Amino acid sequence: SFSPLILVQPLGAVALVVTAVLNSRVARVTLNR
């Protein structure tokens, strides 16, 4: 409602990094290279 779609939508990519770290800790799985 404040910002253009093209500016807001890609910021969801931050969720990928957070989820990867969170899932690695919760599932006790070390991400490989």
PDB file of all heavy atoms in Angstrom:
ATOM      1  N   SER A   1       0.824  -1.210   0.000  1.00  0.00           N
ATOM      2  CA  SER A   1       0.000   0.000   0.000  1.00  0.00           C
ATOM      3  C   SER A   1       0.857   1.259   0.000  1.00  0.00           C
ATOM      4  O   SER A   1       0.393   2.338  -0.360  1.00  0.00           O
ATOM      5  CB  SER A   1      -0.936   0.005   1.216  1.00  0.00           C
ATOM      6  OG  SER A   1      -0.204   0.138   2.417  1.00  0.00           O
ATOM      7  N   PHE A   2       2.135   1.122   0.400  1.00  0.00           N
ATOM      8  CA  PHE A   2       3.041   2.264   0.420  1.00  0.00           C
ATOM      9  C   PHE A   2       4.018   2.264  -0.754  1.00  0.00           C
ATOM     10  O   PHE A   2       4.358   3.316  -1.295  1.00  0.00           O
ATOM     11  CB  PHE A   2       3.863   2.272   1.720  1.00  0.00           C
ATOM     12  CG  PHE A   2       3.097   2.669   2.942  1.00  0.00           C
ATOM     13  CD1 PHE A   2       2.657   1.711   3.837  1.00  0.00           C
ATOM     14  CD2 PHE A   2       2.799   4.004   3.187  1.00  0.00           C
ATOM     15  CE1 PHE A   2       1.944   2.071   4.973  1.00  0.00           C
ATOM     16  CE2 PHE A   2       2.085   4.375   4.326  1.00  0.00           C
ATOM     17  CZ  PHE A   2       1.660   3.413   5.216  1.00  0.00           C
ATOM     18  N   SER A   3       4.473   1.076  -1.131  1.00  0.00           N
ATOM     19  CA  SER A   3       5.584   0.968  -2.076  1.00  0.00           C
ATOM     20  C   SER A   3       5.202   0.174  -3.318  1.00  0.00           C
ATOM     21  O   SER A   3       4.282  -0.653  -3.273  1.00  0.00           O
ATOM     22  CB  SER A   3       6.788   0.296  -1.389  1.00  0.00           C
ATOM     23  OG  SER A   3       7.138   0.970  -0.199  1.00  0.00           O
ATOM     24  N   PRO A   4       5.932   0.398  -4.425  1.00  0.00           N
ATOM     25  CA  PRO A   4       5.674  -0.350  -5.660  1.00  0.00           C
ATOM     26  C   PRO A   4       5.938  -1.843  -5.476  1.00  0.00           C
ATOM     27  O   PRO A   4       6.797  -2.249  -4.691  1.00  0.00           O
ATOM     28  CB  PRO A   4       6.680   0.259  -6.656  1.00  0.00           C
ATOM     29  CG  PRO A   4       7.024   1.596  -6.094  1.00  0.00           C
ATOM     30  CD  PRO A   4       6.972   1.429  -4.606  1.00  0.00           C
ATOM     31  N   LEU A   5       5.199  -2.654  -6.214  1.00  0.00           N
ATOM     32  CA  LEU A   5       5.350  -4.105  -6.150  1.00  0.00           C
ATOM     33  C   LEU A   5       6.779  -4.531  -6.429  1.00  0.00           C
ATOM     34  O   LEU A   5       7.333  -5.402  -5.757  1.00  0.00           O
ATOM     35  CB  LEU A   5       4.395  -4.752  -7.162  1.00  0.00           C
ATOM     36  CG  LEU A   5       4.515  -6.260  -7.373  1.00  0.00           C
ATOM     37  CD1 LEU A   5       4.079  -6.989  -6.118  1.00  0.00           C
ATOM     38  CD2 LEU A   5       3.685  -6.703  -8.570  1.00  0.00           C
ATOM     39  N   ILE A   6       7.395  -3.904  -7.389  1.00  0.00           N
ATOM     40  CA  ILE A   6       8.724  -4.313  -7.840  1.00  0.00           C
ATOM     41  C   ILE A   6       9.798  -4.013  -6.797  1.00  0.00           C
ATOM     42  O   ILE A   6      10.890  -4.565  -6.831  1.00  0.00           O
ATOM     43  CB  ILE A   6       9.049  -3.615  -9.184  1.00  0.00           C
ATOM     44  CG1 ILE A   6      10.056  -4.433  -9.972  1.00  0.00           C
ATOM     45  CG2 ILE A   6       9.516  -2.194  -8.965  1.00  0.00           C
ATOM     46  CD1 ILE A   6      10.223  -3.970 -11.388  1.00  0.00           C
ATOM     47  N   LEU A   7       9.493  -3.116  -5.831  1.00  0.00           N
ATOM     48  CA  LEU A   7      10.425  -2.821  -4.751  1.00  0.00           C
ATOM     49  C   LEU A   7      10.198  -3.746  -3.563  1.00  0.00           C
ATOM     50  O   LEU A   7      11.144  -4.209  -2.932  1.00  0.00           O
ATOM     51  CB  LEU A   7      10.263  -1.362  -4.303  1.00  0.00           C
ATOM     52  CG  LEU A   7      11.095  -0.932  -3.082  1.00  0.00           C
ATOM     53  CD1 LEU A   7      12.580  -1.026  -3.402  1.00  0.00           C
ATOM     54  CD2 LEU A   7      10.726   0.486  -2.666  1.00  0.00           C
ATOM     55  N   VAL A   8       8.944  -4.043  -3.265  1.00  0.00           N
ATOM     56  CA  VAL A   8       8.595  -4.828  -2.081  1.00  0.00           C
ATOM     57  C   VAL A   8       8.789  -6.325  -2.292  1.00  0.00           C
ATOM     58  O   VAL A   8       9.329  -7.025  -1.432  1.00  0.00           O
ATOM     59  CB  VAL A   8       7.135  -4.543  -1.675  1.00  0.00           C
ATOM     60  CG1 VAL A   8       6.677  -5.523  -0.610  1.00  0.00           C
ATOM     61  CG2 VAL A   8       7.000  -3.108  -1.192  1.00  0.00           C
ATOM     62  N   GLN A   9       8.353  -6.828  -3.435  1.00  0.00           N
ATOM     63  CA  GLN A   9       8.310  -8.270  -3.667  1.00  0.00           C
ATOM     64  C   GLN A   9       9.660  -8.966  -3.509  1.00  0.00           C
ATOM     65  O   GLN A   9       9.737 -10.031  -2.901  1.00  0.00           O
ATOM     66  CB  GLN A   9       7.725  -8.543  -5.054  1.00  0.00           C
ATOM     67  CG  GLN A   9       7.203  -9.951  -5.237  1.00  0.00           C
ATOM     68  CD  GLN A   9       5.991 -10.239  -4.358  1.00  0.00           C
ATOM     69  OE1 GLN A   9       5.455  -9.353  -3.731  1.00  0.00           O
ATOM     70  NE2 GLN A   9       5.586 -11.491  -4.314  1.00  0.00           N
ATOM     71  N   PRO A  10      10.753  -8.411  -4.037  1.00  0.00           N
ATOM     72  CA  PRO A  10      12.031  -9.121  -3.936  1.00  0.00           C
ATOM     73  C   PRO A  10      12.602  -9.210  -2.534  1.00  0.00           C
ATOM     74  O   PRO A  10      13.457 -10.033  -2.267  1.00  0.00           O
ATOM     75  CB  PRO A  10      12.955  -8.305  -4.836  1.00  0.00           C
ATOM     76  CG  PRO A  10      12.380  -6.947  -4.816  1.00  0.00           C
ATOM     77  CD  PRO A  10      10.913  -7.152  -4.794  1.00  0.00           C
ATOM     78  N   LEU A  11      12.132  -8.349  -1.617  1.00  0.00           N
ATOM     79  CA  LEU A  11      12.667  -8.371  -0.265  1.00  0.00           C
ATOM     80  C   LEU A  11      12.336  -9.677   0.439  1.00  0.00           C
ATOM     81  O   LEU A  11      12.921 -10.003   1.473  1.00  0.00           O
ATOM     82  CB  LEU A  11      12.114  -7.184   0.529  1.00  0.00           C
ATOM     83  CG  LEU A  11      12.556  -5.807   0.029  1.00  0.00           C
ATOM     84  CD1 LEU A  11      11.906  -4.699   0.844  1.00  0.00           C
ATOM     85  CD2 LEU A  11      14.074  -5.677   0.074  1.00  0.00           C
ATOM     86  N   GLY A  12      11.393 -10.431  -0.128  1.00  0.00           N
ATOM     87  CA  GLY A  12      11.090 -11.751   0.424  1.00  0.00           C
ATOM     88  C   GLY A  12      12.277 -12.691   0.361  1.00  0.00           C
ATOM     89  O   GLY A  12      12.311 -13.704   1.071  1.00  0.00           O
ATOM     90  N   ALA A  13      13.259 -12.367  -0.477  1.00  0.00           N
ATOM     91  CA  ALA A  13      14.451 -13.209  -0.576  1.00  0.00           C
ATOM     92  C   ALA A  13      15.202 -13.257   0.753  1.00  0.00           C
ATOM     93  O   ALA A  13      15.943 -14.211   1.019  1.00  0.00           O
ATOM     94  CB  ALA A  13      15.373 -12.690  -1.682  1.00  0.00           C
ATOM     95  N   VAL A  14      15.000 -12.250   1.594  1.00  0.00           N
ATOM     96  CA  VAL A  14      15.607 -12.255   2.925  1.00  0.00           C
ATOM     97  C   VAL A  14      15.127 -13.479   3.701  1.00  0.00           C
ATOM     98  O   VAL A  14      15.857 -14.052   4.514  1.00  0.00           O
ATOM     99  CB  VAL A  14      15.249 -10.955   3.682  1.00  0.00           C
ATOM    100  CG1 VAL A  14      15.728 -11.012   5.126  1.00  0.00           C
ATOM    101  CG2 VAL A  14      15.852  -9.747   2.968  1.00  0.00           C
ATOM    102  N   ALA A  15      13.877 -13.880   3.447  1.00  0.00           N
ATOM    103  CA  ALA A  15      13.309 -15.041   4.134  1.00  0.00           C
ATOM    104  C   ALA A  15      14.113 -16.304   3.848  1.00  0.00           C
ATOM    105  O   ALA A  15      14.195 -17.194   4.704  1.00  0.00           O
ATOM    106  CB  ALA A  15      11.855 -15.242   3.709  1.00  0.00           C
ATOM    107  N   LEU A  16      14.696 -16.397   2.664  1.00  0.00           N
ATOM    108  CA  LEU A  16      15.472 -17.583   2.309  1.00  0.00           C
ATOM    109  C   LEU A  16      16.676 -17.738   3.224  1.00  0.00           C
ATOM    110  O   LEU A  16      16.945 -18.826   3.750  1.00  0.00           O
ATOM    111  CB  LEU A  16      15.923 -17.495   0.846  1.00  0.00           C
ATOM    112  CG  LEU A  16      16.940 -18.537   0.377  1.00  0.00           C
ATOM    113  CD1 LEU A  16      16.395 -19.941   0.613  1.00  0.00           C
ATOM    114  CD2 LEU A  16      17.281 -18.316  -1.084  1.00  0.00           C
ATOM    115  N   VAL A  17      17.408 -16.651   3.419  1.00  0.00           N
ATOM    116  CA  VAL A  17      18.599 -16.700   4.264  1.00  0.00           C
ATOM    117  C   VAL A  17      18.216 -17.011   5.708  1.00  0.00           C
ATOM    118  O   VAL A  17      18.831 -17.860   6.364  1.00  0.00           O
ATOM    119  CB  VAL A  17      19.365 -15.366   4.194  1.00  0.00           C
ATOM    120  CG1 VAL A  17      20.593 -15.406   5.101  1.00  0.00           C
ATOM    121  CG2 VAL A  17      19.783 -15.059   2.758  1.00  0.00           C
ATOM    122  N   VAL A  18      17.176 -16.326   6.218  1.00  0.00           N
ATOM    123  CA  VAL A  18      16.729 -16.561   7.598  1.00  0.00           C
ATOM    124  C   VAL A  18      16.258 -18.000   7.772  1.00  0.00           C
ATOM    125  O   VAL A  18      16.587 -18.663   8.761  1.00  0.00           O
ATOM    126  CB  VAL A  18      15.596 -15.574   7.970  1.00  0.00           C
ATOM    127  CG1 VAL A  18      15.070 -15.879   9.369  1.00  0.00           C
ATOM    128  CG2 VAL A  18      16.096 -14.142   7.899  1.00  0.00           C
ATOM    129  N   THR A  19      15.488 -18.493   6.801  1.00  0.00           N
ATOM    130  CA  THR A  19      14.961 -19.858   6.898  1.00  0.00           C
ATOM    131  C   THR A  19      16.080 -20.886   6.855  1.00  0.00           C
ATOM    132  O   THR A  19      16.035 -21.897   7.572  1.00  0.00           O
ATOM    133  CB  THR A  19      13.967 -20.138   5.750  1.00  0.00           C
ATOM    134  OG1 THR A  19      12.940 -19.160   5.768  1.00  0.00           O
ATOM    135  CG2 THR A  19      13.340 -21.517   5.900  1.00  0.00           C
ATOM    136  N   ALA A  20      17.082 -20.657   6.020  1.00  0.00           N
ATOM    137  CA  ALA A  20      18.200 -21.599   5.917  1.00  0.00           C
ATOM    138  C   ALA A  20      18.941 -21.706   7.246  1.00  0.00           C
ATOM    139  O   ALA A  20      19.262 -22.813   7.709  1.00  0.00           O
ATOM    140  CB  ALA A  20      19.157 -21.151   4.811  1.00  0.00           C
ATOM    141  N   VAL A  21      19.205 -20.563   7.867  1.00  0.00           N
ATOM    142  CA  VAL A  21      19.895 -20.568   9.161  1.00  0.00           C
ATOM    143  C   VAL A  21      19.019 -21.205  10.233  1.00  0.00           C
ATOM    144  O   VAL A  21      19.473 -22.038  11.033  1.00  0.00           O
ATOM    145  CB  VAL A  21      20.277 -19.133   9.568  1.00  0.00           C
ATOM    146  CG1 VAL A  21      20.880 -19.122  10.979  1.00  0.00           C
ATOM    147  CG2 VAL A  21      21.269 -18.539   8.574  1.00  0.00           C
ATOM    148  N   LEU A  22      17.738 -20.821  10.250  1.00  0.00           N
ATOM    149  CA  LEU A  22      16.810 -21.332  11.261  1.00  0.00           C
ATOM    150  C   LEU A  22      16.632 -22.839  11.135  1.00  0.00           C
ATOM    151  O   LEU A  22      16.691 -23.579  12.128  1.00  0.00           O
ATOM    152  CB  LEU A  22      15.464 -20.619  11.112  1.00  0.00           C
ATOM    153  CG  LEU A  22      14.372 -20.978  12.125  1.00  0.00           C
ATOM    154  CD1 LEU A  22      14.807 -20.595  13.522  1.00  0.00           C
ATOM    155  CD2 LEU A  22      13.065 -20.271  11.759  1.00  0.00           C
ATOM    156  N   ASN A  23      16.415 -23.315   9.906  1.00  0.00           N
ATOM    157  CA  ASN A  23      16.200 -24.743   9.708  1.00  0.00           C
ATOM    158  C   ASN A  23      17.450 -25.547  10.040  1.00  0.00           C
ATOM    159  O   ASN A  23      17.366 -26.659  10.574  1.00  0.00           O
ATOM    160  CB  ASN A  23      15.795 -25.020   8.261  1.00  0.00           C
ATOM    161  CG  ASN A  23      15.489 -26.478   8.016  1.00  0.00           C
ATOM    162  OD1 ASN A  23      14.570 -27.034   8.585  1.00  0.00           O
ATOM    163  ND2 ASN A  23      16.293 -27.116   7.160  1.00  0.00           N
ATOM    164  N   SER A  24      18.605 -24.981   9.746  1.00  0.00           N
ATOM    165  CA  SER A  24      19.856 -25.666  10.052  1.00  0.00           C
ATOM    166  C   SER A  24      20.003 -25.887  11.554  1.00  0.00           C
ATOM    167  O   SER A  24      20.456 -26.946  12.002  1.00  0.00           O
ATOM    168  CB  SER A  24      21.040 -24.847   9.521  1.00  0.00           C
ATOM    169  OG  SER A  24      22.269 -25.473   9.848  1.00  0.00           O
ATOM    170  N   ARG A  25      19.579 -24.896  12.345  1.00  0.00           N
ATOM    171  CA  ARG A  25      19.684 -25.014  13.798  1.00  0.00           C
ATOM    172  C   ARG A  25      18.613 -25.941  14.362  1.00  0.00           C
ATOM    173  O   ARG A  25      18.889 -26.787  15.222  1.00  0.00           O
ATOM    174  CB  ARG A  25      19.578 -23.632  14.440  1.00  0.00           C
ATOM    175  CG  ARG A  25      20.775 -22.727  14.151  1.00  0.00           C
ATOM    176  CD  ARG A  25      20.615 -21.367  14.804  1.00  0.00           C
ATOM    177  NE  ARG A  25      21.763 -20.519  14.561  1.00  0.00           N
ATOM    178  CZ  ARG A  25      22.874 -20.535  15.299  1.00  0.00           C
ATOM    179  NH1 ARG A  25      22.970 -21.361  16.324  1.00  0.00           N
ATOM    180  NH2 ARG A  25      23.872 -19.718  15.024  1.00  0.00           N
ATOM    181  N   VAL A  26      17.371 -25.771  13.883  1.00  0.00           N
ATOM    182  CA  VAL A  26      16.262 -26.569  14.410  1.00  0.00           C
ATOM    183  C   VAL A  26      16.443 -28.046  14.056  1.00  0.00           C
ATOM    184  O   VAL A  26      16.257 -28.929  14.908  1.00  0.00           O
ATOM    185  CB  VAL A  26      14.919 -26.051  13.868  1.00  0.00           C
ATOM    186  CG1 VAL A  26      13.780 -27.002  14.241  1.00  0.00           C
ATOM    187  CG2 VAL A  26      14.630 -24.657  14.413  1.00  0.00           C
ATOM    188  N   ALA A  27      16.764 -28.328  12.791  1.00  0.00           N
ATOM    189  CA  ALA A  27      16.902 -29.714  12.338  1.00  0.00           C
ATOM    190  C   ALA A  27      18.282 -30.288  12.641  1.00  0.00           C
ATOM    191  O   ALA A  27      18.517 -31.477  12.418  1.00  0.00           O
ATOM    192  CB  ALA A  27      16.641 -29.796  10.833  1.00  0.00           C
ATOM    193  N   ARG A  28      19.173 -29.429  13.147  1.00  0.00           N
ATOM    194  CA  ARG A  28      20.548 -29.853  13.451  1.00  0.00           C
ATOM    195  C   ARG A  28      21.209 -30.487  12.235  1.00  0.00           C
ATOM    196  O   ARG A  28      21.835 -31.551  12.316  1.00  0.00           O
ATOM    197  CB  ARG A  28      20.548 -30.823  14.638  1.00  0.00           C
ATOM    198  CG  ARG A  28      20.031 -30.185  15.928  1.00  0.00           C
ATOM    199  CD  ARG A  28      20.052 -31.157  17.087  1.00  0.00           C
ATOM    200  NE  ARG A  28      19.543 -30.523  18.301  1.00  0.00           N
ATOM    201  CZ  ARG A  28      19.431 -31.154  19.473  1.00  0.00           C
ATOM    202  NH1 ARG A  28      19.760 -32.436  19.569  1.00  0.00           N
ATOM    203  NH2 ARG A  28      18.960 -30.509  20.518  1.00  0.00           N
ATOM    204  N   VAL A  29      21.033 -29.807  11.135  1.00  0.00           N
ATOM    205  CA  VAL A  29      21.621 -30.255   9.866  1.00  0.00           C
ATOM    206  C   VAL A  29      22.569 -29.175   9.367  1.00  0.00           C
ATOM    207  O   VAL A  29      22.195 -28.009   9.268  1.00  0.00           O
ATOM    208  CB  VAL A  29      20.532 -30.524   8.809  1.00  0.00           C
ATOM    209  CG1 VAL A  29      21.166 -30.829   7.459  1.00  0.00           C
ATOM    210  CG2 VAL A  29      19.638 -31.668   9.249  1.00  0.00           C
ATOM    211  N   THR A  30      23.783 -29.563   9.073  1.00  0.00           N
ATOM    212  CA  THR A  30      24.761 -28.611   8.564  1.00  0.00           C
ATOM    213  C   THR A  30      24.660 -28.548   7.044  1.00  0.00           C
ATOM    214  O   THR A  30      24.761 -29.574   6.363  1.00  0.00           O
ATOM    215  CB  THR A  30      26.192 -29.034   8.956  1.00  0.00           C
ATOM    216  OG1 THR A  30      26.284 -29.103  10.384  1.00  0.00           O
ATOM    217  CG2 THR A  30      27.204 -28.018   8.425  1.00  0.00           C
ATOM    218  N   LEU A  31      24.422 -27.355   6.542  1.00  0.00           N
ATOM    219  CA  LEU A  31      24.331 -27.197   5.094  1.00  0.00           C
ATOM    220  C   LEU A  31      25.685 -27.445   4.451  1.00  0.00           C
ATOM    221  O   LEU A  31      26.708 -26.925   4.910  1.00  0.00           O
ATOM    222  CB  LEU A  31      23.841 -25.784   4.742  1.00  0.00           C
ATOM    223  CG  LEU A  31      22.387 -25.448   5.084  1.00  0.00           C
ATOM    224  CD1 LEU A  31      22.108 -23.989   4.774  1.00  0.00           C
ATOM    225  CD2 LEU A  31      21.443 -26.343   4.295  1.00  0.00           C
ATOM    226  N   ASN A  32      25.699 -28.230   3.387  1.00  0.00           N
ATOM    227  CA  ASN A  32      26.945 -28.477   2.694  1.00  0.00           C
ATOM    228  C   ASN A  32      27.301 -27.289   1.795  1.00  0.00           C
ATOM    229  O   ASN A  32      26.520 -26.350   1.626  1.00  0.00           O
ATOM    230  CB  ASN A  32      26.858 -29.778   1.870  1.00  0.00           C
ATOM    231  CG  ASN A  32      25.621 -29.808   0.984  1.00  0.00           C
ATOM    232  OD1 ASN A  32      25.250 -28.807   0.385  1.00  0.00           O
ATOM    233  ND2 ASN A  32      24.984 -30.968   0.910  1.00  0.00           N
ATOM    234  N   ARG A  33      28.487 -27.348   1.233  1.00  0.00           N
ATOM    235  CA  ARG A  33      28.984 -26.226   0.434  1.00  0.00           C
ATOM    236  C   ARG A  33      28.097 -25.977  -0.778  1.00  0.00           C
ATOM    237  O   ARG A  33      27.807 -24.822  -1.116  1.00  0.00           O
ATOM    238  CB  ARG A  33      30.420 -26.507  -0.009  1.00  0.00           C
ATOM    239  CG  ARG A  33      31.063 -25.360  -0.802  1.00  0.00           C
ATOM    240  CD  ARG A  33      32.552 -25.639  -1.020  1.00  0.00           C
ATOM    241  NE  ARG A  33      33.168 -24.575  -1.770  1.00  0.00           N
ATOM    242  CZ  ARG A  33      33.243 -24.533  -3.092  1.00  0.00           C
ATOM    243  NH1 ARG A  33      32.692 -25.524  -3.803  1.00  0.00           N
ATOM    244  NH2 ARG A  33      33.832 -23.530  -3.709  1.00  0.00           N
TER     245      ARG A  33
END
